[in-house]
Amino acid sequence: MSCPKSSGGVLLSFRTQPTTAFLYPNPTHSVIRINGSNVESIEIYGLDGKVYASYQNPGNEVNISSLRNGLYMFKGRINGKSYSQKIVKE
């Protein structure tokens, strides 16, 4: 879907892509479940860019109870495709 916008005589076009959550529940307290049959890897980043956890072939759940409460970026490789999603840990 394109949504043209005008700003000072310049035409801008924003393209939106449908997104599907691959992690749930969000927010969470301890366990994140992962959609996908072949979860190859998951990396968890803080807003500071630091990698807080990294998993190879974790299955369909990751326990994040040891992480402090806050906002994290999850990056994953599932079924040969890369995904990223923000998660709130409460």
C-alpha atoms as a PDB file:
ATOM      1  CA  MET A   1       0.000   0.000   0.000  1.00  0.00           C
ATOM      2  CA  SER A   2       1.453   3.392  -0.986  1.00  0.00           C
ATOM      3  CA  CYS A   3       0.529   6.576   0.755  1.00  0.00           C
ATOM      4  CA  PRO A   4       1.790   9.667  -1.082  1.00  0.00           C
ATOM      5  CA  LYS A   5       2.438  12.763   1.031  1.00  0.00           C
ATOM      6  CA  SER A   6       3.465  16.236  -0.009  1.00  0.00           C
ATOM      7  CA  SER A   7       5.966  18.297   1.951  1.00  0.00           C
ATOM      8  CA  GLY A   8       6.947  21.687   0.585  1.00  0.00           C
ATOM      9  CA  GLY A   9       6.370  20.722  -3.033  1.00  0.00           C
ATOM     10  CA  VAL A  10       8.202  17.392  -2.705  1.00  0.00           C
ATOM     11  CA  LEU A  11       6.153  14.238  -3.151  1.00  0.00           C
ATOM     12  CA  LEU A  12       7.064  11.533  -0.649  1.00  0.00           C
ATOM     13  CA  SER A  13       5.874   7.941  -0.947  1.00  0.00           C
ATOM     14  CA  PHE A  14       5.722   5.580   2.021  1.00  0.00           C
ATOM     15  CA  ARG A  15       5.274   1.888   1.395  1.00  0.00           C
ATOM     16  CA  THR A  16       3.855  -0.209   4.211  1.00  0.00           C
ATOM     17  CA  GLN A  17       4.365  -3.947   4.446  1.00  0.00           C
ATOM     18  CA  PRO A  18       2.078  -6.241   6.395  1.00  0.00           C
ATOM     19  CA  THR A  19       3.869  -7.475   9.495  1.00  0.00           C
ATOM     20  CA  THR A  20       3.267 -10.622  11.483  1.00  0.00           C
ATOM     21  CA  ALA A  21       4.400 -10.958  15.064  1.00  0.00           C
ATOM     22  CA  PHE A  22       6.763 -13.852  15.390  1.00  0.00           C
ATOM     23  CA  LEU A  23       7.122 -13.545  19.187  1.00  0.00           C
ATOM     24  CA  TYR A  24       4.351 -13.651  21.771  1.00  0.00           C
ATOM     25  CA  PRO A  25       3.079 -12.774  24.345  1.00  0.00           C
ATOM     26  CA  ASN A  26       4.115  -9.149  24.240  1.00  0.00           C
ATOM     27  CA  PRO A  27       4.605  -7.811  26.875  1.00  0.00           C
ATOM     28  CA  THR A  28       5.902 -10.824  28.783  1.00  0.00           C
ATOM     29  CA  HIS A  29       7.231 -11.722  32.223  1.00  0.00           C
ATOM     30  CA  SER A  30       9.421 -14.718  31.483  1.00  0.00           C
ATOM     31  CA  VAL A  31       8.804 -16.948  28.442  1.00  0.00           C
ATOM     32  CA  ILE A  32       8.645 -15.832  24.808  1.00  0.00           C
ATOM     33  CA  ARG A  33       7.028 -18.197  22.322  1.00  0.00           C
ATOM     34  CA  ILE A  34       8.233 -18.187  18.725  1.00  0.00           C
ATOM     35  CA  ASN A  35       6.112 -18.768  15.616  1.00  0.00           C
ATOM     36  CA  GLY A  36       7.856 -21.002  13.101  1.00  0.00           C
ATOM     37  CA  SER A  37       8.745 -24.625  12.613  1.00  0.00           C
ATOM     38  CA  ASN A  38      12.512 -24.203  12.171  1.00  0.00           C
ATOM     39  CA  VAL A  39      13.894 -21.594  14.588  1.00  0.00           C
ATOM     40  CA  GLU A  40      17.566 -21.362  13.650  1.00  0.00           C
ATOM     41  CA  SER A  41      18.714 -18.536  15.913  1.00  0.00           C
ATOM     42  CA  ILE A  42      17.532 -15.749  18.208  1.00  0.00           C
ATOM     43  CA  GLU A  43      19.524 -12.749  19.426  1.00  0.00           C
ATOM     44  CA  ILE A  44      18.286 -10.321  22.072  1.00  0.00           C
ATOM     45  CA  TYR A  45      19.563  -6.726  21.978  1.00  0.00           C
ATOM     46  CA  GLY A  46      19.051  -3.893  24.439  1.00  0.00           C
ATOM     47  CA  LEU A  47      18.397  -0.329  23.382  1.00  0.00           C
ATOM     48  CA  ASP A  48      22.098   0.292  23.986  1.00  0.00           C
ATOM     49  CA  GLY A  49      22.905  -2.117  21.128  1.00  0.00           C
ATOM     50  CA  LYS A  50      24.438  -4.695  23.469  1.00  0.00           C
ATOM     51  CA  VAL A  51      23.662  -8.383  22.840  1.00  0.00           C
ATOM     52  CA  TYR A  52      22.066  -9.708  26.037  1.00  0.00           C
ATOM     53  CA  ALA A  53      21.462 -13.269  24.863  1.00  0.00           C
ATOM     54  CA  SER A  54      22.034 -15.446  21.823  1.00  0.00           C
ATOM     55  CA  TYR A  55      20.484 -18.842  21.087  1.00  0.00           C
ATOM     56  CA  GLN A  56      21.132 -21.390  18.348  1.00  0.00           C
ATOM     57  CA  ASN A  57      18.243 -23.779  17.578  1.00  0.00           C
ATOM     58  CA  PRO A  58      16.279 -22.730  20.687  1.00  0.00           C
ATOM     59  CA  GLY A  59      13.058 -24.546  19.806  1.00  0.00           C
ATOM     60  CA  ASN A  60       9.840 -22.552  20.108  1.00  0.00           C
ATOM     61  CA  GLU A  61      10.394 -20.953  23.524  1.00  0.00           C
ATOM     62  CA  VAL A  62      13.019 -18.716  25.090  1.00  0.00           C
ATOM     63  CA  ASN A  63      13.105 -17.936  28.816  1.00  0.00           C
ATOM     64  CA  ILE A  64      14.001 -14.282  29.418  1.00  0.00           C
ATOM     65  CA  SER A  65      13.229 -14.145  33.159  1.00  0.00           C
ATOM     66  CA  SER A  66      16.886 -13.273  33.899  1.00  0.00           C
ATOM     67  CA  LEU A  67      16.665 -10.043  31.846  1.00  0.00           C
ATOM     68  CA  ARG A  68      15.832  -6.765  33.559  1.00  0.00           C
ATOM     69  CA  ASN A  69      12.461  -5.166  32.822  1.00  0.00           C
ATOM     70  CA  GLY A  70      12.564  -3.020  29.723  1.00  0.00           C
ATOM     71  CA  LEU A  71      12.369  -2.871  25.941  1.00  0.00           C
ATOM     72  CA  TYR A  72      14.415  -5.333  23.861  1.00  0.00           C
ATOM     73  CA  MET A  73      14.905  -6.027  20.173  1.00  0.00           C
ATOM     74  CA  PHE A  74      14.723  -9.665  19.138  1.00  0.00           C
ATOM     75  CA  LYS A  75      16.331 -10.711  15.882  1.00  0.00           C
ATOM     76  CA  GLY A  76      15.699 -14.200  14.631  1.00  0.00           C
ATOM     77  CA  ARG A  77      16.307 -16.514  11.719  1.00  0.00           C
ATOM     78  CA  ILE A  78      13.274 -18.730  11.188  1.00  0.00           C
ATOM     79  CA  ASN A  79      12.660 -21.021   8.224  1.00  0.00           C
ATOM     80  CA  GLY A  80      15.559 -19.349   6.402  1.00  0.00           C
ATOM     81  CA  LYS A  81      14.183 -15.794   6.801  1.00  0.00           C
ATOM     82  CA  SER A  82      15.265 -12.959   9.087  1.00  0.00           C
ATOM     83  CA  TYR A  83      12.799 -11.344  11.471  1.00  0.00           C
ATOM     84  CA  SER A  84      13.017  -8.628  14.098  1.00  0.00           C
ATOM     85  CA  GLN A  85      10.541  -7.486  16.709  1.00  0.00           C
ATOM     86  CA  LYS A  86      10.503  -5.308  19.816  1.00  0.00           C
ATOM     87  CA  ILE A  87       9.448  -7.008  23.046  1.00  0.00           C
ATOM     88  CA  VAL A  88       8.592  -5.502  26.412  1.00  0.00           C
ATOM     89  CA  LYS A  89       9.824  -7.495  29.420  1.00  0.00           C
ATOM     90  CA  GLU A  90       7.788  -6.676  32.558  1.00  0.00           C
END
